[in-house]
PDB file of N, CA and C in Angstrom:
ATOM      1  N   MET A   1      80.426  92.366  74.819  1.00  0.00           N
ATOM      2  CA  MET A   1      80.171  92.438  76.549  1.00  0.00           C
ATOM      3  C   MET A   1      81.186  91.802  77.363  1.00  0.00           C
ATOM      4  N   ARG A   2      81.927  90.462  76.767  1.00  0.00           N
ATOM      5  CA  ARG A   2      82.474  89.654  77.309  1.00  0.00           C
ATOM      6  C   ARG A   2      83.749  90.771  77.612  1.00  0.00           C
ATOM      7  N   LYS A   3      84.480  92.057  76.791  1.00  0.00           N
ATOM      8  CA  LYS A   3      85.303  92.221  77.572  1.00  0.00           C
ATOM      9  C   LYS A   3      84.882  93.069  78.665  1.00  0.00           C
ATOM     10  N   LYS A   4      83.656  93.716  78.770  1.00  0.00           N
ATOM     11  CA  LYS A   4      83.921  95.180  79.814  1.00  0.00           C
ATOM     12  C   LYS A   4      83.584  93.889  81.200  1.00  0.00           C
ATOM     13  N   LYS A   5      83.526  92.802  80.899  1.00  0.00           N
ATOM     14  CA  LYS A   5      83.230  91.487  81.910  1.00  0.00           C
ATOM     15  C   LYS A   5      84.783  91.262  82.458  1.00  0.00           C
ATOM     16  N   LEU A   6      85.729  91.632  81.468  1.00  0.00           N
ATOM     17  CA  LEU A   6      87.436  91.097  82.305  1.00  0.00           C
ATOM     18  C   LEU A   6      87.519  92.000  82.322  1.00  0.00           C
ATOM     19  N   MET A   7      87.112  93.216  82.006  1.00  0.00           N
ATOM     20  CA  MET A   7      87.569  94.632  82.350  1.00  0.00           C
ATOM     21  C   MET A   7      87.201  95.321  83.694  1.00  0.00           C
ATOM     22  N   PHE A   8      85.861  94.531  84.354  1.00  0.00           N
ATOM     23  CA  PHE A   8      85.635  94.651  85.808  1.00  0.00           C
ATOM     24  C   PHE A   8      86.042  93.896  87.067  1.00  0.00           C
ATOM     25  N   ILE A   9      87.391  93.066  86.465  1.00  0.00           N
ATOM     26  CA  ILE A   9      87.635  91.964  87.402  1.00  0.00           C
ATOM     27  C   ILE A   9      88.968  92.825  88.290  1.00  0.00           C
ATOM     28  N   PRO A  10      90.236  93.129  87.019  1.00  0.00           N
ATOM     29  CA  PRO A  10      91.118  94.430  87.833  1.00  0.00           C
ATOM     30  C   PRO A  10      90.330  95.243  88.274  1.00  0.00           C
ATOM     31  N   LEU A  11      89.450  96.096  87.917  1.00  0.00           N
ATOM     32  CA  LEU A  11      89.070  97.481  88.324  1.00  0.00           C
ATOM     33  C   LEU A  11      88.289  97.049  89.918  1.00  0.00           C
ATOM     34  N   LEU A  12      87.827  95.935  90.139  1.00  0.00           N
ATOM     35  CA  LEU A  12      86.963  95.428  91.045  1.00  0.00           C
ATOM     36  C   LEU A  12      88.590  95.151  92.479  1.00  0.00           C
ATOM     37  N   ILE A  13      89.782  94.412  91.840  1.00  0.00           N
ATOM     38  CA  ILE A  13      90.482  94.102  92.266  1.00  0.00           C
ATOM     39  C   ILE A  13      90.870  95.310  93.319  1.00  0.00           C
ATOM     40  N   LEU A  14      91.635  95.964  92.239  1.00  0.00           N
ATOM     41  CA  LEU A  14      92.431  97.574  92.098  1.00  0.00           C
ATOM     42  C   LEU A  14      91.106  98.384  93.765  1.00  0.00           C
ATOM     43  N   MET A  15      90.143  98.443  93.495  1.00  0.00           N
ATOM     44  CA  MET A  15      89.197  98.597  94.428  1.00  0.00           C
ATOM     45  C   MET A  15      88.995  98.304  96.322  1.00  0.00           C
ATOM     46  N   LEU A  16      89.388  96.548  95.821  1.00  0.00           N
ATOM     47  CA  LEU A  16      89.065  96.608  96.980  1.00  0.00           C
ATOM     48  C   LEU A  16      90.949  96.958  97.989  1.00  0.00           C
ATOM     49  N   LEU A  17      92.210  97.197  97.264  1.00  0.00           N
ATOM     50  CA  LEU A  17      93.323  97.252  97.625  1.00  0.00           C
ATOM     51  C   LEU A  17      93.211  98.753  98.103  1.00  0.00           C
ATOM     52  N   MET A  18      93.323  99.558  97.331  1.00  0.00           N
ATOM     53  CA  MET A  18      92.405 100.790  97.639  1.00  0.00           C
ATOM     54  C   MET A  18      91.892 101.016  99.413  1.00  0.00           C
ATOM     55  N   LEU A  19      90.735 100.202  98.807  1.00  0.00           N
ATOM     56  CA  LEU A  19      90.264 100.320 100.463  1.00  0.00           C
ATOM     57  C   LEU A  19      90.792  99.731 101.542  1.00  0.00           C
ATOM     58  N   SER A  20      91.560  98.691 101.361  1.00  0.00           N
ATOM     59  CA  SER A  20      92.178  98.302 102.512  1.00  0.00           C
ATOM     60  C   SER A  20      93.063  99.213 102.560  1.00  0.00           C
ATOM     61  N   SER A  21      94.102 100.096 101.810  1.00  0.00           N
ATOM     62  CA  SER A  21      95.186 100.562 102.400  1.00  0.00           C
ATOM     63  C   SER A  21      94.535 101.991 102.742  1.00  0.00           C
ATOM     64  N   LEU A  22      93.602 102.121 102.219  1.00  0.00           N
ATOM     65  CA  LEU A  22      92.421 103.263 103.488  1.00  0.00           C
ATOM     66  C   LEU A  22      92.456 103.085 104.386  1.00  0.00           C
ATOM     67  N   ALA A  23      91.562 101.818 104.575  1.00  0.00           N
ATOM     68  CA  ALA A  23      91.581 101.241 106.304  1.00  0.00           C
ATOM     69  C   ALA A  23      92.703 101.181 107.224  1.00  0.00           C
ATOM     70  N   SER A  24      94.059 100.986 106.108  1.00  0.00           N
ATOM     71  CA  SER A  24      95.204 100.754 106.805  1.00  0.00           C
ATOM     72  C   SER A  24      95.553 102.189 107.399  1.00  0.00           C
ATOM     73  N   LYS A  25      95.630 103.228 106.532  1.00  0.00           N
ATOM     74  CA  LYS A  25      95.866 104.825 106.856  1.00  0.00           C
ATOM     75  C   LYS A  25      95.164 104.770 108.443  1.00  0.00           C
ATOM     76  N   ILE A  26      93.810 104.758 108.165  1.00  0.00           N
ATOM     77  CA  ILE A  26      93.512 105.502 109.476  1.00  0.00           C
ATOM     78  C   ILE A  26      93.044 104.630 110.848  1.00  0.00           C
ATOM     79  N   LEU A  27      93.123 103.257 110.318  1.00  0.00           N
ATOM     80  CA  LEU A  27      93.307 102.961 111.814  1.00  0.00           C
ATOM     81  C   LEU A  27      95.473 102.318 112.033  1.00  0.00           C
ATOM     82  N   TYR A  28      96.049 102.638 111.323  1.00  0.00           N
ATOM     83  CA  TYR A  28      97.705 102.961 111.370  1.00  0.00           C
ATOM     84  C   TYR A  28      98.550 103.642 111.338  1.00  0.00           C
ATOM     85  N   GLY A  29      97.682 104.383 110.696  1.00  0.00           N
ATOM     86  CA  GLY A  29      98.775 105.699 110.272  1.00  0.00           C
ATOM     87  C   GLY A  29      99.995 105.365 109.193  1.00  0.00           C
ATOM     88  N   THR A  30      99.981 104.415 108.346  1.00  0.00           N
ATOM     89  CA  THR A  30     100.611 104.173 107.491  1.00  0.00           C
ATOM     90  C   THR A  30      99.663 103.535 106.355  1.00  0.00           C
ATOM     91  N   TRP A  31      99.773 103.869 105.113  1.00  0.00           N
ATOM     92  CA  TRP A  31      99.003 103.785 104.016  1.00  0.00           C
ATOM     93  C   TRP A  31      99.096 102.498 103.301  1.00  0.00           C
ATOM     94  N   SER A  32     100.746 101.530 103.544  1.00  0.00           N
ATOM     95  CA  SER A  32     101.035 100.335 103.099  1.00  0.00           C
ATOM     96  C   SER A  32     100.251  99.041 104.094  1.00  0.00           C
ATOM     97  N   ILE A  33      99.859  98.477 103.093  1.00  0.00           N
ATOM     98  CA  ILE A  33      98.845  97.306 103.965  1.00  0.00           C
ATOM     99  C   ILE A  33      99.931  96.041 104.860  1.00  0.00           C
ATOM    100  N   MET A  34     101.178  96.363 103.983  1.00  0.00           N
ATOM    101  CA  MET A  34     102.264  95.582 104.658  1.00  0.00           C
ATOM    102  C   MET A  34     103.134  95.962 105.381  1.00  0.00           C
ATOM    103  N   ASP A  35     103.367  96.783 105.646  1.00  0.00           N
ATOM    104  CA  ASP A  35     104.387  98.163 106.707  1.00  0.00           C
ATOM    105  C   ASP A  35     103.521  97.489 107.779  1.00  0.00           C
ATOM    106  N   SER A  36     104.030  97.467 109.167  1.00  0.00           N
ATOM    107  CA  SER A  36     103.644  97.757 110.432  1.00  0.00           C
ATOM    108  C   SER A  36     103.356  98.675 111.062  1.00  0.00           C
ATOM    109  N   PRO A  37     102.637  99.122 111.543  1.00  0.00           N
ATOM    110  CA  PRO A  37     101.858 100.344 112.251  1.00  0.00           C
ATOM    111  C   PRO A  37     102.855 100.992 112.789  1.00  0.00           C
ATOM    112  N   LYS A  38     102.830 102.470 112.994  1.00  0.00           N
ATOM    113  CA  LYS A  38     103.619 103.158 114.689  1.00  0.00           C
ATOM    114  C   LYS A  38     103.198 103.250 115.652  1.00  0.00           C
ATOM    115  N   ARG A  39     101.807 103.391 115.373  1.00  0.00           N
ATOM    116  CA  ARG A  39     100.744 104.037 116.487  1.00  0.00           C
ATOM    117  C   ARG A  39      99.284 102.426 116.392  1.00  0.00           C
ATOM    118  N   ILE A  40      99.020 102.289 117.063  1.00  0.00           N
ATOM    119  CA  ILE A  40      97.092 102.010 117.059  1.00  0.00           C
ATOM    120  C   ILE A  40      96.837 102.561 118.111  1.00  0.00           C
ATOM    121  N   GLU A  41      95.150 102.994 118.009  1.00  0.00           N
ATOM    122  CA  GLU A  41      94.184 103.998 118.814  1.00  0.00           C
ATOM    123  C   GLU A  41      93.200 102.430 119.127  1.00  0.00           C
ATOM    124  N   LEU A  42      93.218 102.591 120.065  1.00  0.00           N
ATOM    125  CA  LEU A  42      92.401 100.815 121.241  1.00  0.00           C
ATOM    126  C   LEU A  42      91.513 101.842 122.628  1.00  0.00           C
ATOM    127  N   PHE A  43      91.018 101.603 122.280  1.00  0.00           N
ATOM    128  CA  PHE A  43      90.073 101.747 123.697  1.00  0.00           C
ATOM    129  C   PHE A  43      90.179 103.267 124.074  1.00  0.00           C
ATOM    130  N   GLY A  44      89.766 104.079 123.068  1.00  0.00           N
ATOM    131  CA  GLY A  44      89.779 105.402 123.477  1.00  0.00           C
ATOM    132  C   GLY A  44      91.539 106.150 123.486  1.00  0.00           C
ATOM    133  N   ARG A  45      92.463 105.171 123.059  1.00  0.00           N
ATOM    134  CA  ARG A  45      93.840 105.079 123.945  1.00  0.00           C
ATOM    135  C   ARG A  45      94.968 105.054 122.352  1.00  0.00           C
ATOM    136  N   ASP A  46      96.239 105.574 122.675  1.00  0.00           N
ATOM    137  CA  ASP A  46      97.097 105.233 121.476  1.00  0.00           C
ATOM    138  C   ASP A  46      97.586 104.507 122.602  1.00  0.00           C
ATOM    139  N   TYR A  47      98.653 103.600 121.493  1.00  0.00           N
ATOM    140  CA  TYR A  47      99.340 102.770 121.713  1.00  0.00           C
ATOM    141  C   TYR A  47     100.809 102.242 120.854  1.00  0.00           C
ATOM    142  N   TYR A  48     101.456 102.534 121.169  1.00  0.00           N
ATOM    143  CA  TYR A  48     103.158 103.073 120.415  1.00  0.00           C
ATOM    144  C   TYR A  48     103.966 101.582 120.116  1.00  0.00           C
ATOM    145  N   ARG A  49     104.468 101.866 119.288  1.00  0.00           N
ATOM    146  CA  ARG A  49     105.520 100.254 119.118  1.00  0.00           C
ATOM    147  C   ARG A  49     106.156 100.380 119.905  1.00  0.00           C
ATOM    148  N   LYS A  50     106.718  99.491 120.990  1.00  0.00           N
ATOM    149  CA  LYS A  50     107.897  99.548 121.428  1.00  0.00           C
ATOM    150  C   LYS A  50     109.444  99.140 120.788  1.00  0.00           C
ATOM    151  N   ASN A  51     109.551  99.086 120.152  1.00  0.00           N
ATOM    152  CA  ASN A  51     110.576  98.306 119.636  1.00  0.00           C
ATOM    153  C   ASN A  51     110.572  97.626 118.161  1.00  0.00           C
ATOM    154  N   THR A  52     111.299  97.703 117.351  1.00  0.00           N
ATOM    155  CA  THR A  52     110.705  97.829 115.735  1.00  0.00           C
ATOM    156  C   THR A  52     110.901  96.213 115.569  1.00  0.00           C
ATOM    157  N   ASN A  53     111.937  95.009 116.406  1.00  0.00           N
ATOM    158  CA  ASN A  53     111.764  93.652 116.755  1.00  0.00           C
ATOM    159  C   ASN A  53     110.211  92.701 116.674  1.00  0.00           C
ATOM    160  N   VAL A  54     109.881  91.794 115.850  1.00  0.00           N
ATOM    161  CA  VAL A  54     108.706  91.462 116.029  1.00  0.00           C
ATOM    162  C   VAL A  54     109.534  90.206 116.968  1.00  0.00           C
ATOM    163  N   GLU A  55     108.523  89.734 117.797  1.00  0.00           N
ATOM    164  CA  GLU A  55     108.175  88.661 119.268  1.00  0.00           C
ATOM    165  C   GLU A  55     108.098  87.504 118.106  1.00  0.00           C
ATOM    166  N   ILE A  56     108.456  86.487 119.235  1.00  0.00           N
ATOM    167  CA  ILE A  56     107.760  85.094 118.711  1.00  0.00           C
ATOM    168  C   ILE A  56     107.177  84.396 120.338  1.00  0.00           C
ATOM    169  N   LEU A  57     105.935  84.524 120.444  1.00  0.00           N
ATOM    170  CA  LEU A  57     105.191  83.943 121.779  1.00  0.00           C
ATOM    171  C   LEU A  57     104.610  83.105 121.149  1.00  0.00           C
ATOM    172  N   GLN A  58     105.183  82.025 122.162  1.00  0.00           N
ATOM    173  CA  GLN A  58     104.124  80.290 122.326  1.00  0.00           C
ATOM    174  C   GLN A  58     104.016  80.261 123.538  1.00  0.00           C
ATOM    175  N   GLY A  59     102.855  79.211 123.398  1.00  0.00           N
ATOM    176  CA  GLY A  59     102.663  78.409 124.776  1.00  0.00           C
ATOM    177  C   GLY A  59     102.319  79.783 125.639  1.00  0.00           C
ATOM    178  N   ASP A  60     102.490  79.895 126.992  1.00  0.00           N
ATOM    179  CA  ASP A  60     102.154  80.603 127.761  1.00  0.00           C
ATOM    180  C   ASP A  60     102.126  81.571 127.255  1.00  0.00           C
ATOM    181  N   LYS A  61     102.750  82.458 126.446  1.00  0.00           N
ATOM    182  CA  LYS A  61     103.495  83.498 126.665  1.00  0.00           C
ATOM    183  C   LYS A  61     102.576  84.509 125.465  1.00  0.00           C
ATOM    184  N   LYS A  62     101.697  83.475 125.429  1.00  0.00           N
ATOM    185  CA  LYS A  62     101.253  84.035 123.757  1.00  0.00           C
ATOM    186  C   LYS A  62      99.725  84.722 124.262  1.00  0.00           C
ATOM    187  N   PRO A  63      99.438  85.422 123.277  1.00  0.00           N
ATOM    188  CA  PRO A  63      98.361  86.410 123.882  1.00  0.00           C
ATOM    189  C   PRO A  63      96.699  85.192 123.544  1.00  0.00           C
ATOM    190  N   LYS A  64      95.996  85.692 124.415  1.00  0.00           N
ATOM    191  CA  LYS A  64      94.706  84.610 124.155  1.00  0.00           C
ATOM    192  C   LYS A  64      93.096  85.384 123.925  1.00  0.00           C
ATOM    193  N   TYR A  65      93.306  86.592 124.050  1.00  0.00           N
ATOM    194  CA  TYR A  65      92.038  87.147 124.140  1.00  0.00           C
ATOM    195  C   TYR A  65      92.203  88.143 122.604  1.00  0.00           C
ATOM    196  N   LYS A  66      90.980  88.176 121.739  1.00  0.00           N
ATOM    197  CA  LYS A  66      91.039  88.356 120.155  1.00  0.00           C
ATOM    198  C   LYS A  66      90.482  89.750 120.683  1.00  0.00           C
ATOM    199  N   VAL A  67      91.030  91.321 120.248  1.00  0.00           N
ATOM    200  CA  VAL A  67      89.760  92.048 120.737  1.00  0.00           C
ATOM    201  C   VAL A  67      89.868  92.936 118.937  1.00  0.00           C
ATOM    202  N   SER A  68      90.673  92.173 118.065  1.00  0.00           N
ATOM    203  CA  SER A  68      90.398  92.972 117.140  1.00  0.00           C
ATOM    204  C   SER A  68      88.758  93.055 116.454  1.00  0.00           C
ATOM    205  N   THR A  69      88.458  94.436 115.577  1.00  0.00           N
ATOM    206  CA  THR A  69      87.048  94.595 115.244  1.00  0.00           C
ATOM    207  C   THR A  69      87.137  94.097 114.033  1.00  0.00           C
ATOM    208  N   LEU A  70      85.554  94.274 113.195  1.00  0.00           N
ATOM    209  CA  LEU A  70      85.559  93.975 111.746  1.00  0.00           C
ATOM    210  C   LEU A  70      86.880  94.574 111.096  1.00  0.00           C
ATOM    211  N   ILE A  71      87.074  96.045 111.072  1.00  0.00           N
ATOM    212  CA  ILE A  71      88.176  96.041 110.122  1.00  0.00           C
ATOM    213  C   ILE A  71      89.499  96.038 110.488  1.00  0.00           C
ATOM    214  N   HIS A  72      90.011  95.276 111.686  1.00  0.00           N
ATOM    215  CA  HIS A  72      91.209  95.007 111.575  1.00  0.00           C
ATOM    216  C   HIS A  72      91.430  93.686 110.904  1.00  0.00           C
ATOM    217  N   ILE A  73      89.851  92.711 111.392  1.00  0.00           N
ATOM    218  CA  ILE A  73      89.623  91.664 109.893  1.00  0.00           C
ATOM    219  C   ILE A  73      90.115  91.631 108.757  1.00  0.00           C
ATOM    220  N   PHE A  74      89.672  92.888 108.069  1.00  0.00           N
ATOM    221  CA  PHE A  74      89.958  93.278 106.910  1.00  0.00           C
ATOM    222  C   PHE A  74      91.483  93.721 106.249  1.00  0.00           C
ATOM    223  N   THR A  75      91.827  94.238 106.965  1.00  0.00           N
ATOM    224  CA  THR A  75      93.185  94.545 106.869  1.00  0.00           C
ATOM    225  C   THR A  75      94.356  93.530 107.434  1.00  0.00           C
ATOM    226  N   GLY A  76      93.735  92.551 107.762  1.00  0.00           N
ATOM    227  CA  GLY A  76      94.121  91.338 107.757  1.00  0.00           C
ATOM    228  C   GLY A  76      94.920  91.143 109.233  1.00  0.00           C
ATOM    229  N   LYS A  77      95.144  92.082 110.146  1.00  0.00           N
ATOM    230  CA  LYS A  77      96.137  92.736 111.306  1.00  0.00           C
ATOM    231  C   LYS A  77      95.323  92.357 112.603  1.00  0.00           C
ATOM    232  N   MET A  78      95.184  91.160 113.008  1.00  0.00           N
ATOM    233  CA  MET A  78      94.401  90.988 114.319  1.00  0.00           C
ATOM    234  C   MET A  78      95.460  91.830 115.708  1.00  0.00           C
ATOM    235  N   ILE A  79      94.583  91.712 116.840  1.00  0.00           N
ATOM    236  CA  ILE A  79      94.516  92.563 118.121  1.00  0.00           C
ATOM    237  C   ILE A  79      94.729  91.523 118.851  1.00  0.00           C
ATOM    238  N   TYR A  80      95.694  90.915 120.402  1.00  0.00           N
ATOM    239  CA  TYR A  80      95.319  90.803 120.788  1.00  0.00           C
ATOM    240  C   TYR A  80      95.893  91.277 121.915  1.00  0.00           C
ATOM    241  N   ILE A  81      95.213  90.872 123.137  1.00  0.00           N
ATOM    242  CA  ILE A  81      95.763  91.089 124.676  1.00  0.00           C
ATOM    243  C   ILE A  81      95.674  89.748 125.073  1.00  0.00           C
ATOM    244  N   SER A  82      97.043  89.706 126.507  1.00  0.00           N
ATOM    245  CA  SER A  82      97.037  88.929 127.518  1.00  0.00           C
ATOM    246  C   SER A  82      95.870  88.767 128.249  1.00  0.00           C
ATOM    247  N   GLU A  83      95.098  89.727 128.846  1.00  0.00           N
ATOM    248  CA  GLU A  83      94.004  89.417 129.776  1.00  0.00           C
ATOM    249  C   GLU A  83      92.819  89.547 129.542  1.00  0.00           C
ATOM    250  N   PRO A  84      91.733  89.141 129.684  1.00  0.00           N
ATOM    251  CA  PRO A  84      90.682  90.161 129.224  1.00  0.00           C
ATOM    252  C   PRO A  84      89.803  91.252 129.641  1.00  0.00           C
ATOM    253  N   LYS A  85      89.893  92.101 128.908  1.00  0.00           N
ATOM    254  CA  LYS A  85      89.538  93.236 129.022  1.00  0.00           C
ATOM    255  C   LYS A  85      88.344  92.955 130.050  1.00  0.00           C
ATOM    256  N   LYS A  86      88.256  94.445 131.077  1.00  0.00           N
ATOM    257  CA  LYS A  86      87.404  94.468 132.228  1.00  0.00           C
ATOM    258  C   LYS A  86      86.939  95.909 131.537  1.00  0.00           C
ATOM    259  N   LYS A  87      86.270  96.016 132.762  1.00  0.00           N
ATOM    260  CA  LYS A  87      85.255  97.245 132.507  1.00  0.00           C
ATOM    261  C   LYS A  87      86.050  98.899 132.472  1.00  0.00           C
ATOM    262  N   ASP A  88      86.563  99.002 133.659  1.00  0.00           N
ATOM    263  CA  ASP A  88      87.221 100.356 133.739  1.00  0.00           C
ATOM    264  C   ASP A  88      89.022  99.768 133.571  1.00  0.00           C
ATOM    265  N   TYR A  89      88.923  98.688 133.009  1.00  0.00           N
ATOM    266  CA  TYR A  89      90.409  99.137 132.356  1.00  0.00           C
ATOM    267  C   TYR A  89      91.140  98.841 131.126  1.00  0.00           C
ATOM    268  N   ASP A  90      92.011  99.635 130.326  1.00  0.00           N
ATOM    269  CA  ASP A  90      92.933  99.119 129.833  1.00  0.00           C
ATOM    270  C   ASP A  90      94.317  98.683 130.217  1.00  0.00           C
ATOM    271  N   PRO A  91      94.049  97.402 128.597  1.00  0.00           N
ATOM    272  CA  PRO A  91      95.430  96.839 129.248  1.00  0.00           C
ATOM    273  C   PRO A  91      97.021  97.986 128.425  1.00  0.00           C
ATOM    274  N   ASP A  92      97.651  97.474 129.266  1.00  0.00           N
ATOM    275  CA  ASP A  92      99.388  98.584 129.142  1.00  0.00           C
ATOM    276  C   ASP A  92      99.524  97.535 127.680  1.00  0.00           C
ATOM    277  N   VAL A  93      99.564  96.746 127.544  1.00  0.00           N
ATOM    278  CA  VAL A  93     100.222  96.210 125.890  1.00  0.00           C
ATOM    279  C   VAL A  93      99.040  95.823 125.470  1.00  0.00           C
ATOM    280  N   ILE A  94      99.266  96.321 124.040  1.00  0.00           N
ATOM    281  CA  ILE A  94      98.411  95.360 123.101  1.00  0.00           C
ATOM    282  C   ILE A  94      99.406  94.488 122.467  1.00  0.00           C
ATOM    283  N   TYR A  95      98.704  93.645 121.765  1.00  0.00           N
ATOM    284  CA  TYR A  95      99.368  92.564 120.264  1.00  0.00           C
ATOM    285  C   TYR A  95      99.200  92.965 118.876  1.00  0.00           C
ATOM    286  N   LEU A  96     100.056  93.066 118.193  1.00  0.00           N
ATOM    287  CA  LEU A  96      99.380  92.867 117.014  1.00  0.00           C
ATOM    288  C   LEU A  96      99.897  91.630 116.234  1.00  0.00           C
ATOM    289  N   GLU A  97      99.306  90.810 115.456  1.00  0.00           N
ATOM    290  CA  GLU A  97      99.651  89.405 115.138  1.00  0.00           C
ATOM    291  C   GLU A  97     100.114  89.738 113.469  1.00  0.00           C
ATOM    292  N   VAL A  98     101.789  89.587 113.485  1.00  0.00           N
ATOM    293  CA  VAL A  98     101.882  90.253 112.062  1.00  0.00           C
ATOM    294  C   VAL A  98     102.528  88.435 111.153  1.00  0.00           C
ATOM    295  N   GLY A  99     102.284  87.354 112.232  1.00  0.00           N
ATOM    296  CA  GLY A  99     102.335  86.012 110.987  1.00  0.00           C
ATOM    297  C   GLY A  99     102.013  84.913 112.081  1.00  0.00           C
ATOM    298  N   GLU A 100     102.007  83.892 111.612  1.00  0.00           N
ATOM    299  CA  GLU A 100     101.957  82.953 113.139  1.00  0.00           C
ATOM    300  C   GLU A 100     102.933  83.063 113.794  1.00  0.00           C
ATOM    301  N   ASP A 101     102.694  82.765 115.433  1.00  0.00           N
ATOM    302  CA  ASP A 101     102.898  83.003 116.309  1.00  0.00           C
ATOM    303  C   ASP A 101     104.131  84.219 116.041  1.00  0.00           C
ATOM    304  N   LYS A 102     103.935  85.208 115.952  1.00  0.00           N
ATOM    305  CA  LYS A 102     105.342  86.644 115.328  1.00  0.00           C
ATOM    306  C   LYS A 102     104.019  87.337 115.574  1.00  0.00           C
ATOM    307  N   TYR A 103     104.418  88.287 116.294  1.00  0.00           N
ATOM    308  CA  TYR A 103     103.381  89.574 117.226  1.00  0.00           C
ATOM    309  C   TYR A 103     104.406  91.048 117.207  1.00  0.00           C
ATOM    310  N   LEU A 104     104.145  91.844 117.711  1.00  0.00           N
ATOM    311  CA  LEU A 104     104.488  93.134 117.219  1.00  0.00           C
ATOM    312  C   LEU A 104     103.912  93.814 118.756  1.00  0.00           C
ATOM    313  N   THR A 105     104.962  94.283 119.462  1.00  0.00           N
ATOM    314  CA  THR A 105     104.187  94.712 120.386  1.00  0.00           C
ATOM    315  C   THR A 105     104.166  96.114 120.625  1.00  0.00           C
ATOM    316  N   LEU A 106     102.510  96.943 120.939  1.00  0.00           N
ATOM    317  CA  LEU A 106     102.387  98.023 121.493  1.00  0.00           C
ATOM    318  C   LEU A 106     102.454  98.565 122.640  1.00  0.00           C
ATOM    319  N   VAL A 107     102.454  99.767 122.890  1.00  0.00           N
ATOM    320  CA  VAL A 107     102.498  99.855 124.891  1.00  0.00           C
ATOM    321  C   VAL A 107     101.703 101.119 125.032  1.00  0.00           C
ATOM    322  N   LEU A 108     100.841 100.888 126.356  1.00  0.00           N
ATOM    323  CA  LEU A 108      99.866 102.202 125.973  1.00  0.00           C
ATOM    324  C   LEU A 108     100.922 103.952 126.183  1.00  0.00           C
ATOM    325  N   SER A 109     100.392 104.254 126.088  1.00  0.00           N
ATOM    326  CA  SER A 109     101.150 105.960 125.824  1.00  0.00           C
ATOM    327  C   SER A 109     100.199 106.961 126.499  1.00  0.00           C
ATOM    328  N   GLY A 110     100.113 108.127 127.363  1.00  0.00           N
ATOM    329  CA  GLY A 110      99.556 109.069 127.563  1.00  0.00           C
ATOM    330  C   GLY A 110      98.140 108.863 127.880  1.00  0.00           C
ATOM    331  N   GLY A 111      97.378 109.862 128.370  1.00  0.00           N
ATOM    332  CA  GLY A 111      96.152 109.171 129.475  1.00  0.00           C
ATOM    333  C   GLY A 111      94.530 109.571 128.510  1.00  0.00           C
ATOM    334  N   PRO A 112      93.803 109.387 128.903  1.00  0.00           N
ATOM    335  CA  PRO A 112      92.608 109.111 128.178  1.00  0.00           C
ATOM    336  C   PRO A 112      92.063 110.123 127.403  1.00  0.00           C
TER     337      PRO A 112
END
């Protein structure tokens, strides 16, 4: 009985990693949960990486409004915008938090 319980823990960890990887693939187009996404779909529009460099934003430049959903929280990658979301307004730029005060900038591309 004890061996079955011990086998359950690694299996549970493996299943959580697989679920996180699947969520990352659906949201960001990459299987790796450690890799930065090339594209994010948000507000029904596609946002693409501006560049591969991670920016350090502090003080007034730091984005203030979190728009992450529960699934973004599950993957550990929070999404922020600089201005509050309005009813008929989609922001041109979103920020993906990759570390403390470190953000990956993604810009709007294409139409609705």
